[in-house]
Amino acid sequence: MRSLKPVIASNGFAILLTVVFLLPIMAIFLFVVTTPIDSILAKFGLWLHGINEWSFPEFDTEERFSKIGFAIRSVLIAVGISFLYFFLANKLVEYESCRL
């Protein structure tokens, strides 16, 4: 019967590589790809500003809506990255348990 130490060590190393390299690279890539969402929401805010004739400056509206877009992107990317981590960790555990 084989020892479990190499399996545990390889699984731990794979999870470490996933956390240190794959997940941050994926998050940065998703932030870069979804950047146009900020400008789309800023234009939407300016459109609402024009329709509703808000009293404060358009610059403030544009900044607020672009910050809202960034917050939405951040939350969605964080949730997606955490689900990706759990998916990969489960696949690694399944793979290692099949090798035993």
N, C-alpha and C. Protein backbone atom coordinates (compact mmCIF):
# COMPACT_ATOMS: atom_id res chain seq x y z
N MET A 1 0.84 -1.17 0.00
CA MET A 1 0.00 0.00 0.00
C MET A 1 0.89 1.25 0.00
N ARG A 2 0.50 2.22 -0.80
CA ARG A 2 1.30 3.44 -0.93
C ARG A 2 1.08 4.41 0.22
N SER A 3 2.06 5.24 0.42
CA SER A 3 1.98 6.25 1.47
C SER A 3 1.13 7.43 0.98
N LEU A 4 0.44 8.08 1.88
CA LEU A 4 -0.39 9.23 1.53
C LEU A 4 0.39 10.53 1.50
N LYS A 5 1.61 10.54 2.04
CA LYS A 5 2.37 11.79 2.11
C LYS A 5 2.65 12.40 0.74
N PRO A 6 3.08 11.63 -0.29
CA PRO A 6 3.30 12.26 -1.60
C PRO A 6 2.01 12.81 -2.20
N VAL A 7 0.91 12.11 -1.98
CA VAL A 7 -0.36 12.57 -2.53
C VAL A 7 -0.79 13.87 -1.87
N ILE A 8 -0.66 13.93 -0.55
CA ILE A 8 -1.03 15.14 0.18
C ILE A 8 -0.10 16.29 -0.20
N ALA A 9 1.17 16.01 -0.34
CA ALA A 9 2.14 17.05 -0.70
C ALA A 9 1.87 17.57 -2.11
N SER A 10 1.59 16.70 -3.06
CA SER A 10 1.34 17.16 -4.42
C SER A 10 0.02 17.93 -4.50
N ASN A 11 -0.98 17.49 -3.75
CA ASN A 11 -2.25 18.20 -3.75
C ASN A 11 -2.08 19.57 -3.10
N GLY A 12 -1.35 19.64 -2.02
CA GLY A 12 -1.11 20.93 -1.36
C GLY A 12 -0.32 21.87 -2.24
N PHE A 13 0.67 21.34 -2.97
CA PHE A 13 1.46 22.16 -3.88
C PHE A 13 0.59 22.68 -5.02
N ALA A 14 -0.30 21.84 -5.53
CA ALA A 14 -1.20 22.27 -6.61
C ALA A 14 -2.14 23.37 -6.13
N ILE A 15 -2.65 23.24 -4.93
CA ILE A 15 -3.53 24.28 -4.39
C ILE A 15 -2.74 25.56 -4.13
N LEU A 16 -1.50 25.44 -3.65
CA LEU A 16 -0.66 26.62 -3.44
C LEU A 16 -0.40 27.34 -4.76
N LEU A 17 -0.06 26.60 -5.81
CA LEU A 17 0.15 27.22 -7.12
C LEU A 17 -1.12 27.88 -7.64
N THR A 18 -2.25 27.25 -7.37
CA THR A 18 -3.52 27.83 -7.80
C THR A 18 -3.77 29.15 -7.10
N VAL A 19 -3.54 29.19 -5.80
CA VAL A 19 -3.81 30.40 -5.03
C VAL A 19 -2.80 31.50 -5.34
N VAL A 20 -1.54 31.13 -5.53
CA VAL A 20 -0.50 32.14 -5.73
C VAL A 20 -0.46 32.66 -7.16
N PHE A 21 -0.70 31.80 -8.14
CA PHE A 21 -0.55 32.22 -9.53
C PHE A 21 -1.86 32.30 -10.31
N LEU A 22 -2.60 31.22 -10.36
CA LEU A 22 -3.76 31.15 -11.25
C LEU A 22 -4.86 32.14 -10.87
N LEU A 23 -5.26 32.16 -9.61
CA LEU A 23 -6.37 33.01 -9.22
C LEU A 23 -6.06 34.51 -9.34
N PRO A 24 -4.90 35.00 -8.90
CA PRO A 24 -4.62 36.43 -9.11
C PRO A 24 -4.50 36.82 -10.58
N ILE A 25 -3.88 35.96 -11.39
CA ILE A 25 -3.77 36.26 -12.82
C ILE A 25 -5.15 36.29 -13.45
N MET A 26 -5.99 35.36 -13.06
CA MET A 26 -7.35 35.32 -13.59
C MET A 26 -8.13 36.57 -13.17
N ALA A 27 -7.97 37.00 -11.92
CA ALA A 27 -8.68 38.20 -11.45
C ALA A 27 -8.21 39.45 -12.19
N ILE A 28 -6.91 39.60 -12.37
CA ILE A 28 -6.39 40.76 -13.10
C ILE A 28 -6.88 40.74 -14.54
N PHE A 29 -6.87 39.58 -15.17
CA PHE A 29 -7.37 39.46 -16.53
C PHE A 29 -8.84 39.86 -16.61
N LEU A 30 -9.65 39.40 -15.65
CA LEU A 30 -11.08 39.74 -15.66
C LEU A 30 -11.30 41.23 -15.42
N PHE A 31 -10.48 41.85 -14.56
CA PHE A 31 -10.60 43.29 -14.37
C PHE A 31 -10.27 44.05 -15.65
N VAL A 32 -9.26 43.61 -16.37
CA VAL A 32 -8.89 44.28 -17.62
C VAL A 32 -9.98 44.09 -18.68
N VAL A 33 -10.50 42.89 -18.78
CA VAL A 33 -11.50 42.60 -19.81
C VAL A 33 -12.83 43.33 -19.55
N THR A 34 -13.19 43.47 -18.28
CA THR A 34 -14.48 44.08 -17.96
C THR A 34 -14.40 45.59 -17.71
N THR A 35 -13.31 46.22 -18.04
CA THR A 35 -13.16 47.66 -17.85
C THR A 35 -14.22 48.49 -18.58
N PRO A 36 -14.66 48.13 -19.78
CA PRO A 36 -15.68 48.94 -20.46
C PRO A 36 -17.01 49.06 -19.70
N ILE A 37 -17.25 48.19 -18.74
CA ILE A 37 -18.49 48.28 -17.97
C ILE A 37 -18.55 49.60 -17.20
N ASP A 38 -17.40 50.09 -16.73
CA ASP A 38 -17.38 51.37 -16.01
C ASP A 38 -17.84 52.51 -16.91
N SER A 39 -17.32 52.56 -18.12
CA SER A 39 -17.71 53.66 -19.02
C SER A 39 -19.16 53.52 -19.48
N ILE A 40 -19.62 52.29 -19.63
CA ILE A 40 -21.03 52.08 -20.00
C ILE A 40 -21.94 52.59 -18.89
N LEU A 41 -21.61 52.28 -17.64
CA LEU A 41 -22.43 52.77 -16.53
C LEU A 41 -22.31 54.28 -16.37
N ALA A 42 -21.15 54.84 -16.65
CA ALA A 42 -21.00 56.30 -16.58
C ALA A 42 -21.87 56.98 -17.63
N LYS A 43 -21.92 56.43 -18.84
CA LYS A 43 -22.79 56.98 -19.88
C LYS A 43 -24.26 56.82 -19.51
N PHE A 44 -24.59 55.71 -18.87
CA PHE A 44 -25.95 55.50 -18.40
C PHE A 44 -26.31 56.56 -17.34
N GLY A 45 -25.38 56.87 -16.45
CA GLY A 45 -25.59 57.90 -15.44
C GLY A 45 -25.79 59.28 -16.07
N LEU A 46 -25.01 59.57 -17.11
CA LEU A 46 -25.18 60.85 -17.80
C LEU A 46 -26.53 60.92 -18.51
N TRP A 47 -26.95 59.80 -19.04
CA TRP A 47 -28.27 59.75 -19.68
C TRP A 47 -29.37 60.01 -18.66
N LEU A 48 -29.27 59.36 -17.48
CA LEU A 48 -30.24 59.61 -16.41
C LEU A 48 -30.18 61.05 -15.93
N HIS A 49 -28.97 61.61 -15.89
CA HIS A 49 -28.79 63.00 -15.48
C HIS A 49 -29.53 63.94 -16.42
N GLY A 50 -29.42 63.65 -17.71
CA GLY A 50 -30.10 64.50 -18.70
C GLY A 50 -31.61 64.36 -18.65
N ILE A 51 -32.10 63.16 -18.44
CA ILE A 51 -33.55 62.94 -18.42
C ILE A 51 -34.18 63.53 -17.16
N ASN A 52 -33.56 63.29 -16.03
CA ASN A 52 -34.14 63.72 -14.75
C ASN A 52 -33.75 65.14 -14.35
N GLU A 53 -32.87 65.78 -15.09
CA GLU A 53 -32.41 67.15 -14.83
C GLU A 53 -31.95 67.33 -13.39
N TRP A 54 -30.99 66.50 -12.99
CA TRP A 54 -30.45 66.58 -11.64
C TRP A 54 -29.68 67.88 -11.47
N SER A 55 -29.65 68.39 -10.25
CA SER A 55 -29.06 69.72 -10.02
C SER A 55 -27.54 69.68 -9.88
N PHE A 56 -26.95 68.57 -9.48
CA PHE A 56 -25.50 68.54 -9.30
C PHE A 56 -24.79 68.34 -10.64
N PRO A 57 -23.49 68.62 -10.70
CA PRO A 57 -22.77 68.61 -11.98
C PRO A 57 -22.72 67.22 -12.62
N GLU A 58 -22.56 67.23 -13.94
CA GLU A 58 -22.47 65.97 -14.69
C GLU A 58 -21.22 65.18 -14.31
N PHE A 59 -20.16 65.89 -13.96
CA PHE A 59 -18.92 65.22 -13.57
C PHE A 59 -19.15 64.32 -12.37
N ASP A 60 -19.90 64.81 -11.37
CA ASP A 60 -20.19 64.00 -10.19
C ASP A 60 -21.01 62.76 -10.55
N THR A 61 -21.97 62.95 -11.45
CA THR A 61 -22.79 61.81 -11.89
C THR A 61 -21.93 60.76 -12.57
N GLU A 62 -21.06 61.22 -13.45
CA GLU A 62 -20.20 60.29 -14.18
C GLU A 62 -19.28 59.53 -13.23
N GLU A 63 -18.71 60.24 -12.27
CA GLU A 63 -17.82 59.59 -11.29
C GLU A 63 -18.57 58.59 -10.43
N ARG A 64 -19.75 58.97 -9.97
CA ARG A 64 -20.52 58.06 -9.11
C ARG A 64 -20.90 56.79 -9.84
N PHE A 65 -21.38 56.92 -11.06
CA PHE A 65 -21.82 55.73 -11.79
C PHE A 65 -20.63 54.86 -12.22
N SER A 66 -19.50 55.46 -12.51
CA SER A 66 -18.33 54.63 -12.84
C SER A 66 -17.83 53.90 -11.59
N LYS A 67 -17.94 54.52 -10.41
CA LYS A 67 -17.57 53.84 -9.17
C LYS A 67 -18.55 52.71 -8.86
N ILE A 68 -19.83 52.93 -9.16
CA ILE A 68 -20.82 51.86 -8.98
C ILE A 68 -20.49 50.69 -9.90
N GLY A 69 -20.10 50.99 -11.13
CA GLY A 69 -19.71 49.93 -12.06
C GLY A 69 -18.51 49.16 -11.58
N PHE A 70 -17.53 49.87 -11.02
CA PHE A 70 -16.35 49.20 -10.49
C PHE A 70 -16.71 48.31 -9.30
N ALA A 71 -17.60 48.79 -8.45
CA ALA A 71 -18.01 47.99 -7.28
C ALA A 71 -18.74 46.73 -7.73
N ILE A 72 -19.62 46.85 -8.71
CA ILE A 72 -20.34 45.67 -9.22
C ILE A 72 -19.35 44.68 -9.83
N ARG A 73 -18.41 45.20 -10.63
CA ARG A 73 -17.40 44.32 -11.21
C ARG A 73 -16.58 43.62 -10.15
N SER A 74 -16.17 44.35 -9.12
CA SER A 74 -15.34 43.77 -8.07
C SER A 74 -16.05 42.65 -7.35
N VAL A 75 -17.31 42.86 -7.02
CA VAL A 75 -18.07 41.83 -6.32
C VAL A 75 -18.25 40.60 -7.20
N LEU A 76 -18.63 40.80 -8.46
CA LEU A 76 -18.83 39.66 -9.35
C LEU A 76 -17.53 38.89 -9.60
N ILE A 77 -16.43 39.59 -9.77
CA ILE A 77 -15.15 38.91 -9.98
C ILE A 77 -14.72 38.17 -8.72
N ALA A 78 -14.91 38.76 -7.56
CA ALA A 78 -14.53 38.09 -6.31
C ALA A 78 -15.35 36.82 -6.11
N VAL A 79 -16.65 36.90 -6.36
CA VAL A 79 -17.49 35.71 -6.22
C VAL A 79 -17.09 34.65 -7.25
N GLY A 80 -16.85 35.07 -8.48
CA GLY A 80 -16.43 34.13 -9.52
C GLY A 80 -15.10 33.46 -9.21
N ILE A 81 -14.15 34.22 -8.71
CA ILE A 81 -12.84 33.67 -8.37
C ILE A 81 -12.96 32.68 -7.21
N SER A 82 -13.81 33.00 -6.23
CA SER A 82 -13.96 32.06 -5.11
C SER A 82 -14.63 30.77 -5.56
N PHE A 83 -15.62 30.86 -6.45
CA PHE A 83 -16.23 29.64 -6.99
C PHE A 83 -15.22 28.85 -7.82
N LEU A 84 -14.37 29.55 -8.57
CA LEU A 84 -13.33 28.87 -9.35
C LEU A 84 -12.36 28.15 -8.44
N TYR A 85 -11.98 28.77 -7.32
CA TYR A 85 -11.09 28.12 -6.37
C TYR A 85 -11.72 26.85 -5.82
N PHE A 86 -12.97 26.93 -5.38
CA PHE A 86 -13.61 25.74 -4.82
C PHE A 86 -13.79 24.65 -5.87
N PHE A 87 -14.08 25.04 -7.11
CA PHE A 87 -14.20 24.07 -8.20
C PHE A 87 -12.87 23.36 -8.43
N LEU A 88 -11.78 24.12 -8.52
CA LEU A 88 -10.47 23.53 -8.76
C LEU A 88 -10.02 22.67 -7.58
N ALA A 89 -10.28 23.13 -6.37
CA ALA A 89 -9.89 22.34 -5.19
C ALA A 89 -10.66 21.02 -5.15
N ASN A 90 -11.94 21.04 -5.48
CA ASN A 90 -12.72 19.80 -5.51
C ASN A 90 -12.23 18.86 -6.60
N LYS A 91 -11.88 19.42 -7.77
CA LYS A 91 -11.36 18.57 -8.85
C LYS A 91 -10.02 17.95 -8.46
N LEU A 92 -9.17 18.71 -7.76
CA LEU A 92 -7.90 18.15 -7.32
C LEU A 92 -8.11 17.02 -6.32
N VAL A 93 -9.05 17.21 -5.41
CA VAL A 93 -9.32 16.17 -4.42
C VAL A 93 -9.88 14.93 -5.10
N GLU A 94 -10.79 15.12 -6.06
CA GLU A 94 -11.35 13.97 -6.79
C GLU A 94 -10.25 13.24 -7.56
N TYR A 95 -9.37 14.01 -8.22
CA TYR A 95 -8.30 13.41 -9.01
C TYR A 95 -7.35 12.61 -8.12
N GLU A 96 -6.97 13.21 -6.98
CA GLU A 96 -6.03 12.53 -6.09
C GLU A 96 -6.68 11.29 -5.45
N SER A 97 -7.96 11.35 -5.15
CA SER A 97 -8.60 10.19 -4.54
C SER A 97 -8.76 9.06 -5.56
N CYS A 98 -8.86 9.39 -6.83
CA CYS A 98 -8.94 8.35 -7.87
C CYS A 98 -7.59 7.68 -8.08
N ARG A 99 -6.50 8.43 -7.83
CA ARG A 99 -5.16 7.87 -8.02
C ARG A 99 -4.79 6.88 -6.93
N LEU A 100 -5.46 6.95 -5.79
CA LEU A 100 -5.12 6.03 -4.71
C LEU A 100 -5.59 4.70 -5.10
